[in-house]
Full PDB file with SEQRES, HELIX, SHEET, SSBOND, CRYST1, ORIGX, SCALE, CONECT and MASTER records, all heavy atoms in Angstrom:
SEQRES   1 A   42  SER PHE CYS CYS ALA PRO LEU LEU VAL ALA GLN GLU ASN          
SEQRES   2 A   42  ASP ALA LEU VAL ARG LYS VAL ASP ASP HIS TYR ASN HIS          
SEQRES   3 A   42  LEU SER SER LEU ARG ALA HIS TYR THR GLU SER TYR ALA          
SEQRES   4 A   42  GLY MET GLY                                                  
HELIX    1 AA1 CYS A    4  ASN A   25  1                                  22    
CRYST1    1.000    1.000    1.000  90.00  90.00  90.00 P 1           1          
ORIGX1      1.000000  0.000000  0.000000        0.00000                         
ORIGX2      0.000000  1.000000  0.000000        0.00000                         
ORIGX3      0.000000  0.000000  1.000000        0.00000                         
SCALE1      1.000000  0.000000  0.000000        0.00000                         
SCALE2      0.000000  1.000000  0.000000        0.00000                         
SCALE3      0.000000  0.000000  1.000000        0.00000                         
ATOM      1  N   SER A   1       0.869  -1.179   0.024  1.00  0.00           N  
ATOM      2  CA  SER A   1      -0.006  -0.003  -0.001  1.00  0.00           C  
ATOM      3  C   SER A   1       0.936   1.208   0.009  1.00  0.00           C  
ATOM      4  O   SER A   1       0.575   2.249  -0.670  1.00  0.00           O  
ATOM      5  CB  SER A   1      -0.978   0.031   1.251  1.00  0.00           C  
ATOM      6  OG  SER A   1      -0.277   0.171   2.420  1.00  0.00           O  
ATOM      7  N   PHE A   2       1.945   1.222   0.796  1.00  0.00           N  
ATOM      8  CA  PHE A   2       2.980   2.400   0.784  1.00  0.00           C  
ATOM      9  C   PHE A   2       3.621   2.554  -0.630  1.00  0.00           C  
ATOM     10  O   PHE A   2       3.810   3.704  -1.017  1.00  0.00           O  
ATOM     11  CB  PHE A   2       3.943   2.226   1.885  1.00  0.00           C  
ATOM     12  CG  PHE A   2       3.525   2.482   3.205  1.00  0.00           C  
ATOM     13  CD1 PHE A   2       3.448   1.586   4.180  1.00  0.00           C  
ATOM     14  CD2 PHE A   2       3.066   3.791   3.484  1.00  0.00           C  
ATOM     15  CE1 PHE A   2       3.052   2.016   5.608  1.00  0.00           C  
ATOM     16  CE2 PHE A   2       2.688   4.202   4.801  1.00  0.00           C  
ATOM     17  CZ  PHE A   2       2.638   3.256   5.711  1.00  0.00           C  
ATOM     18  N   CYS A   3       3.905   1.437  -1.270  1.00  0.00           N  
ATOM     19  CA  CYS A   3       4.437   1.584  -2.547  1.00  0.00           C  
ATOM     20  C   CYS A   3       3.557   2.117  -3.625  1.00  0.00           C  
ATOM     21  O   CYS A   3       3.898   2.793  -4.531  1.00  0.00           O  
ATOM     22  CB  CYS A   3       4.978   0.138  -2.945  1.00  0.00           C  
ATOM     23  SG  CYS A   3       6.454  -0.386  -1.980  1.00  0.00           S  
ATOM     24  N   CYS A   4       2.292   1.690  -3.488  1.00  0.00           N  
ATOM     25  CA  CYS A   4       1.283   2.017  -4.506  1.00  0.00           C  
ATOM     26  C   CYS A   4       0.755   3.426  -4.384  1.00  0.00           C  
ATOM     27  O   CYS A   4       0.169   4.028  -5.305  1.00  0.00           O  
ATOM     28  CB  CYS A   4       0.102   1.018  -4.560  1.00  0.00           C  
ATOM     29  SG  CYS A   4       0.667  -0.665  -5.058  1.00  0.00           S  
ATOM     30  N   ALA A   5       0.769   3.951  -3.135  1.00  0.00           N  
ATOM     31  CA  ALA A   5       0.144   5.255  -2.814  1.00  0.00           C  
ATOM     32  C   ALA A   5       0.534   6.294  -3.730  1.00  0.00           C  
ATOM     33  O   ALA A   5      -0.151   7.034  -4.331  1.00  0.00           O  
ATOM     34  CB  ALA A   5       0.324   5.555  -1.351  1.00  0.00           C  
ATOM     35  N   PRO A   6       1.975   6.570  -3.892  1.00  0.00           N  
ATOM     36  CA  PRO A   6       2.390   7.630  -4.810  1.00  0.00           C  
ATOM     37  C   PRO A   6       1.927   7.487  -6.170  1.00  0.00           C  
ATOM     38  O   PRO A   6       1.630   8.445  -6.938  1.00  0.00           O  
ATOM     39  CB  PRO A   6       3.924   7.507  -4.660  1.00  0.00           C  
ATOM     40  CG  PRO A   6       4.121   6.885  -3.339  1.00  0.00           C  
ATOM     41  CD  PRO A   6       3.053   5.840  -3.251  1.00  0.00           C  
ATOM     42  N   LEU A   7       1.837   6.192  -6.703  1.00  0.00           N  
ATOM     43  CA  LEU A   7       1.503   5.939  -8.083  1.00  0.00           C  
ATOM     44  C   LEU A   7      -0.042   6.292  -8.191  1.00  0.00           C  
ATOM     45  O   LEU A   7      -0.364   6.859  -9.163  1.00  0.00           O  
ATOM     46  CB  LEU A   7       1.640   4.471  -8.399  1.00  0.00           C  
ATOM     47  CG  LEU A   7       1.263   4.038  -9.771  1.00  0.00           C  
ATOM     48  CD1 LEU A   7       1.848   4.780 -10.914  1.00  0.00           C  
ATOM     49  CD2 LEU A   7       1.405   2.619 -10.002  1.00  0.00           C  
ATOM     50  N   LEU A   8      -0.865   5.980  -7.264  1.00  0.00           N  
ATOM     51  CA  LEU A   8      -2.276   6.239  -7.253  1.00  0.00           C  
ATOM     52  C   LEU A   8      -2.470   7.843  -7.329  1.00  0.00           C  
ATOM     53  O   LEU A   8      -3.435   8.318  -8.035  1.00  0.00           O  
ATOM     54  CB  LEU A   8      -3.007   5.590  -6.106  1.00  0.00           C  
ATOM     55  CG  LEU A   8      -3.127   4.064  -6.060  1.00  0.00           C  
ATOM     56  CD1 LEU A   8      -3.695   3.587  -4.846  1.00  0.00           C  
ATOM     57  CD2 LEU A   8      -3.874   3.651  -7.362  1.00  0.00           C  
ATOM     58  N   VAL A   9      -1.764   8.513  -6.408  1.00  0.00           N  
ATOM     59  CA  VAL A   9      -1.874   9.931  -6.368  1.00  0.00           C  
ATOM     60  C   VAL A   9      -1.505  10.511  -7.675  1.00  0.00           C  
ATOM     61  O   VAL A   9      -2.199  11.485  -8.195  1.00  0.00           O  
ATOM     62  CB  VAL A   9      -0.984  10.534  -5.256  1.00  0.00           C  
ATOM     63  CG1 VAL A   9      -0.975  12.053  -5.280  1.00  0.00           C  
ATOM     64  CG2 VAL A   9      -1.531  10.109  -3.827  1.00  0.00           C  
ATOM     65  N   ALA A  10      -0.362  10.060  -8.280  1.00  0.00           N  
ATOM     66  CA  ALA A  10       0.104  10.584  -9.599  1.00  0.00           C  
ATOM     67  C   ALA A  10      -0.997  10.400 -10.618  1.00  0.00           C  
ATOM     68  O   ALA A  10      -1.282  11.252 -11.530  1.00  0.00           O  
ATOM     69  CB  ALA A  10       1.335   9.934  -9.990  1.00  0.00           C  
ATOM     70  N   GLN A  11      -1.649   9.148 -10.584  1.00  0.00           N  
ATOM     71  CA  GLN A  11      -2.699   8.834 -11.636  1.00  0.00           C  
ATOM     72  C   GLN A  11      -3.903   9.824 -11.481  1.00  0.00           C  
ATOM     73  O   GLN A  11      -4.548  10.200 -12.431  1.00  0.00           O  
ATOM     74  CB  GLN A  11      -3.075   7.381 -11.483  1.00  0.00           C  
ATOM     75  CG  GLN A  11      -1.975   6.387 -11.980  1.00  0.00           C  
ATOM     76  CD  GLN A  11      -2.346   4.948 -11.658  1.00  0.00           C  
ATOM     77  OE1 GLN A  11      -3.214   4.647 -10.857  1.00  0.00           O  
ATOM     78  NE2 GLN A  11      -1.673   4.098 -12.481  1.00  0.00           N  
ATOM     79  N   GLU A  12      -4.293  10.016 -10.187  1.00  0.00           N  
ATOM     80  CA  GLU A  12      -5.452  10.832  -9.845  1.00  0.00           C  
ATOM     81  C   GLU A  12      -5.131  12.307 -10.381  1.00  0.00           C  
ATOM     82  O   GLU A  12      -5.889  12.973 -10.950  1.00  0.00           O  
ATOM     83  CB  GLU A  12      -5.664  10.879  -8.366  1.00  0.00           C  
ATOM     84  CG  GLU A  12      -6.320   9.649  -7.913  1.00  0.00           C  
ATOM     85  CD  GLU A  12      -6.351   9.480  -6.485  1.00  0.00           C  
ATOM     86  OE1 GLU A  12      -6.061  10.570  -5.694  1.00  0.00           O  
ATOM     87  OE2 GLU A  12      -6.976   8.521  -5.838  1.00  0.00           O  
ATOM     88  N   ASN A  13      -3.912  12.863 -10.055  1.00  0.00           N  
ATOM     89  CA  ASN A  13      -3.437  14.140 -10.514  1.00  0.00           C  
ATOM     90  C   ASN A  13      -3.499  14.291 -12.024  1.00  0.00           C  
ATOM     91  O   ASN A  13      -3.957  15.286 -12.568  1.00  0.00           O  
ATOM     92  CB  ASN A  13      -2.109  14.489  -9.988  1.00  0.00           C  
ATOM     93  CG  ASN A  13      -2.118  14.712  -8.476  1.00  0.00           C  
ATOM     94  OD1 ASN A  13      -3.155  14.771  -7.769  1.00  0.00           O  
ATOM     95  ND2 ASN A  13      -0.952  14.785  -7.820  1.00  0.00           N  
ATOM     96  N   ASP A  14      -3.028  13.259 -12.669  1.00  0.00           N  
ATOM     97  CA  ASP A  14      -3.018  13.172 -14.170  1.00  0.00           C  
ATOM     98  C   ASP A  14      -4.386  13.290 -14.756  1.00  0.00           C  
ATOM     99  O   ASP A  14      -4.659  13.918 -15.669  1.00  0.00           O  
ATOM    100  CB  ASP A  14      -2.235  11.970 -14.654  1.00  0.00           C  
ATOM    101  CG  ASP A  14      -0.718  12.040 -14.558  1.00  0.00           C  
ATOM    102  OD1 ASP A  14      -0.239  13.117 -14.315  1.00  0.00           O  
ATOM    103  OD2 ASP A  14      -0.186  10.980 -14.708  1.00  0.00           O  
ATOM    104  N   ALA A  15      -5.256  12.592 -14.029  1.00  0.00           N  
ATOM    105  CA  ALA A  15      -6.683  12.584 -14.496  1.00  0.00           C  
ATOM    106  C   ALA A  15      -7.276  14.030 -14.384  1.00  0.00           C  
ATOM    107  O   ALA A  15      -8.042  14.435 -15.159  1.00  0.00           O  
ATOM    108  CB  ALA A  15      -7.563  11.575 -13.649  1.00  0.00           C  
ATOM    109  N   LEU A  16      -6.975  14.687 -13.231  1.00  0.00           N  
ATOM    110  CA  LEU A  16      -7.452  16.052 -12.972  1.00  0.00           C  
ATOM    111  C   LEU A  16      -6.930  17.065 -14.129  1.00  0.00           C  
ATOM    112  O   LEU A  16      -7.648  17.899 -14.612  1.00  0.00           O  
ATOM    113  CB  LEU A  16      -7.181  16.545 -11.617  1.00  0.00           C  
ATOM    114  CG  LEU A  16      -7.914  15.810 -10.509  1.00  0.00           C  
ATOM    115  CD1 LEU A  16      -7.329  16.309  -9.121  1.00  0.00           C  
ATOM    116  CD2 LEU A  16      -9.334  15.999 -10.539  1.00  0.00           C  
ATOM    117  N   VAL A  17      -5.660  16.902 -14.312  1.00  0.00           N  
ATOM    118  CA  VAL A  17      -5.024  17.795 -15.340  1.00  0.00           C  
ATOM    119  C   VAL A  17      -5.723  17.486 -16.670  1.00  0.00           C  
ATOM    120  O   VAL A  17      -5.907  18.420 -17.533  1.00  0.00           O  
ATOM    121  CB  VAL A  17      -3.543  17.526 -15.368  1.00  0.00           C  
ATOM    122  CG1 VAL A  17      -2.858  18.277 -16.575  1.00  0.00           C  
ATOM    123  CG2 VAL A  17      -2.935  17.998 -14.027  1.00  0.00           C  
ATOM    124  N   ARG A  18      -5.838  16.257 -17.048  1.00  0.00           N  
ATOM    125  CA  ARG A  18      -6.491  15.881 -18.311  1.00  0.00           C  
ATOM    126  C   ARG A  18      -7.904  16.477 -18.415  1.00  0.00           C  
ATOM    127  O   ARG A  18      -8.445  16.725 -19.598  1.00  0.00           O  
ATOM    128  CB  ARG A  18      -6.573  14.411 -18.509  1.00  0.00           C  
ATOM    129  CG  ARG A  18      -5.113  13.785 -18.927  1.00  0.00           C  
ATOM    130  CD  ARG A  18      -5.330  12.371 -19.542  1.00  0.00           C  
ATOM    131  NE  ARG A  18      -5.962  11.470 -18.608  1.00  0.00           N  
ATOM    132  CZ  ARG A  18      -5.326  10.735 -17.631  1.00  0.00           C  
ATOM    133  NH1 ARG A  18      -4.039  10.847 -17.484  1.00  0.00           N  
ATOM    134  NH2 ARG A  18      -6.017  10.011 -16.843  1.00  0.00           N  
ATOM    135  N   LYS A  19      -8.586  16.541 -17.343  1.00  0.00           N  
ATOM    136  CA  LYS A  19      -9.890  17.142 -17.283  1.00  0.00           C  
ATOM    137  C   LYS A  19      -9.899  18.573 -17.829  1.00  0.00           C  
ATOM    138  O   LYS A  19     -10.827  18.979 -18.587  1.00  0.00           O  
ATOM    139  CB  LYS A  19     -10.539  17.058 -15.836  1.00  0.00           C  
ATOM    140  CG  LYS A  19     -11.958  17.558 -15.780  1.00  0.00           C  
ATOM    141  CD  LYS A  19     -12.539  17.334 -14.451  1.00  0.00           C  
ATOM    142  CE  LYS A  19     -12.724  15.802 -14.051  1.00  0.00           C  
ATOM    143  NZ  LYS A  19     -13.517  15.645 -12.910  1.00  0.00           N  
ATOM    144  N   VAL A  20      -8.908  19.250 -17.453  1.00  0.00           N  
ATOM    145  CA  VAL A  20      -8.744  20.723 -17.950  1.00  0.00           C  
ATOM    146  C   VAL A  20      -8.369  20.632 -19.367  1.00  0.00           C  
ATOM    147  O   VAL A  20      -9.036  21.408 -20.224  1.00  0.00           O  
ATOM    148  CB  VAL A  20      -7.698  21.524 -17.173  1.00  0.00           C  
ATOM    149  CG1 VAL A  20      -7.472  22.908 -17.701  1.00  0.00           C  
ATOM    150  CG2 VAL A  20      -8.050  21.466 -15.645  1.00  0.00           C  
ATOM    151  N   ASP A  21      -7.510  19.803 -19.800  1.00  0.00           N  
ATOM    152  CA  ASP A  21      -7.126  19.664 -21.208  1.00  0.00           C  
ATOM    153  C   ASP A  21      -8.300  19.329 -21.962  1.00  0.00           C  
ATOM    154  O   ASP A  21      -8.658  19.963 -23.033  1.00  0.00           O  
ATOM    155  CB  ASP A  21      -6.105  18.523 -21.421  1.00  0.00           C  
ATOM    156  CG  ASP A  21      -4.721  18.795 -20.918  1.00  0.00           C  
ATOM    157  OD1 ASP A  21      -4.535  19.982 -20.558  1.00  0.00           O  
ATOM    158  OD2 ASP A  21      -3.943  17.978 -20.593  1.00  0.00           O  
ATOM    159  N   ASP A  22      -9.078  18.351 -21.705  1.00  0.00           N  
ATOM    160  CA  ASP A  22     -10.215  17.947 -22.442  1.00  0.00           C  
ATOM    161  C   ASP A  22     -11.318  19.011 -22.416  1.00  0.00           C  
ATOM    162  O   ASP A  22     -11.967  19.241 -23.530  1.00  0.00           O  
ATOM    163  CB  ASP A  22     -10.966  16.654 -21.741  1.00  0.00           C  
ATOM    164  CG  ASP A  22     -10.103  15.519 -21.961  1.00  0.00           C  
ATOM    165  OD1 ASP A  22      -9.122  15.484 -22.813  1.00  0.00           O  
ATOM    166  OD2 ASP A  22     -10.265  14.511 -21.160  1.00  0.00           O  
ATOM    167  N   HIS A  23     -11.499  19.737 -21.341  1.00  0.00           N  
ATOM    168  CA  HIS A  23     -12.478  20.843 -21.362  1.00  0.00           C  
ATOM    169  C   HIS A  23     -12.228  21.853 -22.419  1.00  0.00           C  
ATOM    170  O   HIS A  23     -13.036  22.273 -23.159  1.00  0.00           O  
ATOM    171  CB  HIS A  23     -12.552  21.481 -19.930  1.00  0.00           C  
ATOM    172  CG  HIS A  23     -13.580  22.502 -19.875  1.00  0.00           C  
ATOM    173  ND1 HIS A  23     -14.881  22.199 -19.362  1.00  0.00           N  
ATOM    174  CD2 HIS A  23     -13.519  23.954 -19.966  1.00  0.00           C  
ATOM    175  CE1 HIS A  23     -15.544  23.365 -19.363  1.00  0.00           C  
ATOM    176  NE2 HIS A  23     -14.811  24.457 -19.747  1.00  0.00           N  
ATOM    177  N   TYR A  24     -10.973  22.256 -22.354  1.00  0.00           N  
ATOM    178  CA  TYR A  24     -10.647  23.450 -23.361  1.00  0.00           C  
ATOM    179  C   TYR A  24     -10.356  22.992 -24.740  1.00  0.00           C  
ATOM    180  O   TYR A  24     -10.509  23.751 -25.732  1.00  0.00           O  
ATOM    181  CB  TYR A  24      -9.439  24.193 -22.744  1.00  0.00           C  
ATOM    182  CG  TYR A  24      -9.972  25.030 -21.671  1.00  0.00           C  
ATOM    183  CD1 TYR A  24      -9.717  24.608 -20.324  1.00  0.00           C  
ATOM    184  CD2 TYR A  24     -10.594  26.428 -21.797  1.00  0.00           C  
ATOM    185  CE1 TYR A  24     -10.257  25.481 -19.188  1.00  0.00           C  
ATOM    186  CE2 TYR A  24     -11.153  27.073 -20.830  1.00  0.00           C  
ATOM    187  CZ  TYR A  24     -10.911  26.637 -19.479  1.00  0.00           C  
ATOM    188  OH  TYR A  24     -11.341  27.405 -18.441  1.00  0.00           O  
ATOM    189  N   ASN A  25      -9.973  21.666 -24.910  1.00  0.00           N  
ATOM    190  CA  ASN A  25      -9.754  21.191 -26.276  1.00  0.00           C  
ATOM    191  C   ASN A  25     -11.100  21.077 -26.985  1.00  0.00           C  
ATOM    192  O   ASN A  25     -11.054  20.985 -28.226  1.00  0.00           O  
ATOM    193  CB  ASN A  25      -9.042  19.880 -26.265  1.00  0.00           C  
ATOM    194  CG  ASN A  25      -7.527  20.067 -25.854  1.00  0.00           C  
ATOM    195  OD1 ASN A  25      -7.048  21.112 -26.170  1.00  0.00           O  
ATOM    196  ND2 ASN A  25      -6.920  19.034 -25.377  1.00  0.00           N  
ATOM    197  N   HIS A  26     -12.135  21.070 -26.313  1.00  0.00           N  
ATOM    198  CA  HIS A  26     -13.489  20.939 -26.910  1.00  0.00           C  
ATOM    199  C   HIS A  26     -14.185  22.237 -27.027  1.00  0.00           C  
ATOM    200  O   HIS A  26     -15.305  22.363 -27.534  1.00  0.00           O  
ATOM    201  CB  HIS A  26     -14.368  19.976 -26.162  1.00  0.00           C  
ATOM    202  CG  HIS A  26     -14.085  18.577 -26.261  1.00  0.00           C  
ATOM    203  ND1 HIS A  26     -13.099  17.920 -25.469  1.00  0.00           N  
ATOM    204  CD2 HIS A  26     -14.462  17.605 -27.062  1.00  0.00           C  
ATOM    205  CE1 HIS A  26     -13.043  16.707 -25.860  1.00  0.00           C  
ATOM    206  NE2 HIS A  26     -13.826  16.337 -26.886  1.00  0.00           N  
ATOM    207  N   LEU A  27     -13.534  23.347 -26.717  1.00  0.00           N  
ATOM    208  CA  LEU A  27     -14.118  24.707 -26.876  1.00  0.00           C  
ATOM    209  C   LEU A  27     -13.647  25.239 -28.178  1.00  0.00           C  
ATOM    210  O   LEU A  27     -12.372  24.963 -28.656  1.00  0.00           O  
ATOM    211  CB  LEU A  27     -13.653  25.556 -25.680  1.00  0.00           C  
ATOM    212  CG  LEU A  27     -14.236  25.376 -24.349  1.00  0.00           C  
ATOM    213  CD1 LEU A  27     -13.716  26.435 -23.417  1.00  0.00           C  
ATOM    214  CD2 LEU A  27     -15.789  25.360 -24.415  1.00  0.00           C  
ATOM    215  N   SER A  28     -14.495  26.075 -28.787  1.00  0.00           N  
ATOM    216  CA  SER A  28     -14.033  26.819 -29.958  1.00  0.00           C  
ATOM    217  C   SER A  28     -13.894  28.338 -29.606  1.00  0.00           C  
ATOM    218  O   SER A  28     -13.114  29.044 -30.280  1.00  0.00           O  
ATOM    219  CB  SER A  28     -14.974  26.632 -31.083  1.00  0.00           C  
ATOM    220  OG  SER A  28     -16.347  27.095 -30.642  1.00  0.00           O  
ATOM    221  N   SER A  29     -14.667  28.754 -28.560  1.00  0.00           N  
ATOM    222  CA  SER A  29     -14.625  30.111 -28.184  1.00  0.00           C  
ATOM    223  C   SER A  29     -15.128  30.320 -26.775  1.00  0.00           C  
ATOM    224  O   SER A  29     -15.657  29.401 -26.141  1.00  0.00           O  
ATOM    225  CB  SER A  29     -15.465  31.013 -29.126  1.00  0.00           C  
ATOM    226  OG  SER A  29     -16.878  30.648 -29.031  1.00  0.00           O  
ATOM    227  N   LEU A  30     -14.807  31.567 -26.236  1.00  0.00           N  
ATOM    228  CA  LEU A  30     -15.099  31.685 -24.820  1.00  0.00           C  
ATOM    229  C   LEU A  30     -15.350  33.226 -24.629  1.00  0.00           C  
ATOM    230  O   LEU A  30     -14.584  34.110 -25.212  1.00  0.00           O  
ATOM    231  CB  LEU A  30     -14.067  31.280 -23.941  1.00  0.00           C  
ATOM    232  CG  LEU A  30     -14.326  31.587 -22.379  1.00  0.00           C  
ATOM    233  CD1 LEU A  30     -15.497  30.726 -21.793  1.00  0.00           C  
ATOM    234  CD2 LEU A  30     -12.922  31.278 -21.628  1.00  0.00           C  
ATOM    235  N   ARG A  31     -16.412  33.686 -23.892  1.00  0.00           N  
ATOM    236  CA  ARG A  31     -16.529  35.021 -23.422  1.00  0.00           C  
ATOM    237  C   ARG A  31     -16.681  34.998 -21.841  1.00  0.00           C  
ATOM    238  O   ARG A  31     -17.439  34.149 -21.425  1.00  0.00           O  
ATOM    239  CB  ARG A  31     -17.833  35.694 -24.056  1.00  0.00           C  
ATOM    240  CG  ARG A  31     -18.041  37.089 -23.523  1.00  0.00           C  
ATOM    241  CD  ARG A  31     -19.377  37.745 -24.079  1.00  0.00           C  
ATOM    242  NE  ARG A  31     -19.340  38.048 -25.426  1.00  0.00           N  
ATOM    243  CZ  ARG A  31     -19.962  37.520 -26.413  1.00  0.00           C  
ATOM    244  NH1 ARG A  31     -20.802  36.487 -26.098  1.00  0.00           N  
ATOM    245  NH2 ARG A  31     -19.891  37.953 -27.693  1.00  0.00           N  
ATOM    246  N   ALA A  32     -16.040  35.950 -21.271  1.00  0.00           N  
ATOM    247  CA  ALA A  32     -16.052  35.893 -19.770  1.00  0.00           C  
ATOM    248  C   ALA A  32     -15.803  37.336 -19.288  1.00  0.00           C  
ATOM    249  O   ALA A  32     -15.104  38.221 -20.027  1.00  0.00           O  
ATOM    250  CB  ALA A  32     -15.090  34.996 -19.177  1.00  0.00           C  
ATOM    251  N   HIS A  33     -16.285  37.676 -18.107  1.00  0.00           N  
ATOM    252  CA  HIS A  33     -16.036  38.948 -17.414  1.00  0.00           C  
ATOM    253  C   HIS A  33     -14.759  38.591 -16.499  1.00  0.00           C  
ATOM    254  O   HIS A  33     -14.564  37.573 -15.957  1.00  0.00           O  
ATOM    255  CB  HIS A  33     -17.136  39.368 -16.553  1.00  0.00           C  
ATOM    256  CG  HIS A  33     -16.747  40.636 -15.743  1.00  0.00           C  
ATOM    257  ND1 HIS A  33     -16.217  40.530 -14.507  1.00  0.00           N  
ATOM    258  CD2 HIS A  33     -16.892  41.998 -16.020  1.00  0.00           C  
ATOM    259  CE1 HIS A  33     -16.090  41.813 -14.020  1.00  0.00           C  
ATOM    260  NE2 HIS A  33     -16.363  42.609 -14.992  1.00  0.00           N  
ATOM    261  N   TYR A  34     -13.794  39.497 -16.511  1.00  0.00           N  
ATOM    262  CA  TYR A  34     -12.624  39.247 -15.680  1.00  0.00           C  
ATOM    263  C   TYR A  34     -12.391  40.521 -14.770  1.00  0.00           C  
ATOM    264  O   TYR A  34     -12.694  41.619 -15.097  1.00  0.00           O  
ATOM    265  CB  TYR A  34     -11.323  39.010 -16.586  1.00  0.00           C  
ATOM    266  CG  TYR A  34     -10.912  40.283 -17.288  1.00  0.00           C  
ATOM    267  CD1 TYR A  34      -9.999  41.176 -16.762  1.00  0.00           C  
ATOM    268  CD2 TYR A  34     -11.327  40.531 -18.618  1.00  0.00           C  
ATOM    269  CE1 TYR A  34      -9.626  42.352 -17.481  1.00  0.00           C  
ATOM    270  CE2 TYR A  34     -10.927  41.635 -19.370  1.00  0.00           C  
ATOM    271  CZ  TYR A  34     -10.087  42.583 -18.730  1.00  0.00           C  
ATOM    272  OH  TYR A  34      -9.617  43.620 -19.353  1.00  0.00           O  
ATOM    273  N   THR A  35     -11.770  40.244 -13.692  1.00  0.00           N  
ATOM    274  CA  THR A  35     -11.252  41.285 -12.765  1.00  0.00           C  
ATOM    275  C   THR A  35      -9.693  40.949 -12.559  1.00  0.00           C  
ATOM    276  O   THR A  35      -9.355  39.852 -12.279  1.00  0.00           O  
ATOM    277  CB  THR A  35     -11.879  41.143 -11.290  1.00  0.00           C  
ATOM    278  OG1 THR A  35     -13.325  41.250 -11.475  1.00  0.00           O  
ATOM    279  CG2 THR A  35     -11.380  42.206 -10.432  1.00  0.00           C  
ATOM    280  N   GLU A  36      -8.907  41.896 -12.830  1.00  0.00           N  
ATOM    281  CA  GLU A  36      -7.513  41.826 -12.746  1.00  0.00           C  
ATOM    282  C   GLU A  36      -6.912  42.686 -11.663  1.00  0.00           C  
ATOM    283  O   GLU A  36      -7.164  43.877 -11.553  1.00  0.00           O  
ATOM    284  CB  GLU A  36      -6.844  42.303 -14.070  1.00  0.00           C  
ATOM    285  CG  GLU A  36      -5.382  42.298 -14.140  1.00  0.00           C  
ATOM    286  CD  GLU A  36      -4.773  42.926 -15.378  1.00  0.00           C  
ATOM    287  OE1 GLU A  36      -5.579  43.113 -16.364  1.00  0.00           O  
ATOM    288  OE2 GLU A  36      -3.586  43.273 -15.422  1.00  0.00           O  
ATOM    289  N   SER A  37      -6.287  42.004 -10.690  1.00  0.00           N  
ATOM    290  CA  SER A  37      -5.623  42.670  -9.598  1.00  0.00           C  
ATOM    291  C   SER A  37      -4.101  42.617  -9.642  1.00  0.00           C  
ATOM    292  O   SER A  37      -3.547  41.526  -9.863  1.00  0.00           O  
ATOM    293  CB  SER A  37      -6.108  42.161  -8.222  1.00  0.00           C  
ATOM    294  OG  SER A  37      -7.511  42.246  -8.195  1.00  0.00           O  
ATOM    295  N   TYR A  38      -3.469  43.724  -9.407  1.00  0.00           N  
ATOM    296  CA  TYR A  38      -1.911  43.764  -9.484  1.00  0.00           C  
ATOM    297  C   TYR A  38      -1.383  44.418  -8.205  1.00  0.00           C  
ATOM    298  O   TYR A  38      -1.904  45.448  -7.857  1.00  0.00           O  
ATOM    299  CB  TYR A  38      -1.449  44.551 -10.769  1.00  0.00           C  
ATOM    300  CG  TYR A  38       0.097  44.735 -10.818  1.00  0.00           C  
ATOM    301  CD1 TYR A  38       0.869  43.729 -11.261  1.00  0.00           C  
ATOM    302  CD2 TYR A  38       0.595  45.868 -10.298  1.00  0.00           C  
ATOM    303  CE1 TYR A  38       2.270  43.892 -11.186  1.00  0.00           C  
ATOM    304  CE2 TYR A  38       1.915  46.157 -10.407  1.00  0.00           C  
ATOM    305  CZ  TYR A  38       2.713  45.136 -10.761  1.00  0.00           C  
ATOM    306  OH  TYR A  38       4.230  45.244 -10.763  1.00  0.00           O  
ATOM    307  N   ALA A  39      -0.367  43.901  -7.711  1.00  0.00           N  
ATOM    308  CA  ALA A  39       0.281  44.329  -6.482  1.00  0.00           C  
ATOM    309  C   ALA A  39       1.828  44.158  -6.688  1.00  0.00           C  
ATOM    310  O   ALA A  39       2.246  43.110  -6.786  1.00  0.00           O  
ATOM    311  CB  ALA A  39      -0.179  43.770  -5.195  1.00  0.00           C  
ATOM    312  N   GLY A  40       2.500  45.359  -6.663  1.00  0.00           N  
ATOM    313  CA  GLY A  40       3.941  45.218  -6.857  1.00  0.00           C  
ATOM    314  C   GLY A  40       4.569  46.539  -7.364  1.00  0.00           C  
ATOM    315  O   GLY A  40       3.770  47.424  -7.945  1.00  0.00           O  
ATOM    316  N   MET A  41       5.901  46.667  -7.181  1.00  0.00           N  
ATOM    317  CA  MET A  41       6.584  47.914  -7.605  1.00  0.00           C  
ATOM    318  C   MET A  41       5.861  49.144  -7.009  1.00  0.00           C  
ATOM    319  O   MET A  41       5.806  50.166  -7.692  1.00  0.00           O  
ATOM    320  CB  MET A  41       6.511  48.021  -9.247  1.00  0.00           C  
ATOM    321  CG  MET A  41       7.208  46.859  -9.916  1.00  0.00           C  
ATOM    322  SD  MET A  41       7.178  46.944 -11.749  1.00  0.00           S  
ATOM    323  CE  MET A  41       8.080  48.498 -11.934  1.00  0.00           C  
ATOM    324  N   GLY A  42       5.298  49.038  -5.762  1.00  0.00           N  
ATOM    325  CA  GLY A  42       4.781  50.179  -5.140  1.00  0.00           C  
ATOM    326  C   GLY A  42       3.437  50.494  -5.593  1.00  0.00           C  
ATOM    327  O   GLY A  42       2.895  51.553  -5.222  1.00  0.00           O  
TER     328      GLY A  42                                                      
MASTER        0    0    0    1    0    0    0    6  327    1    0    4          
END                                                                             
């Protein structure tokens, strides 16, 4: 179980990342409202 745990976590993380890939690879366009905040250089 200790040996397999890191592998299972890696597989779960890969699945989550692929979910983002799949979501946007099936999009042709997007419109959204955005708020941009910047803090730096005083």
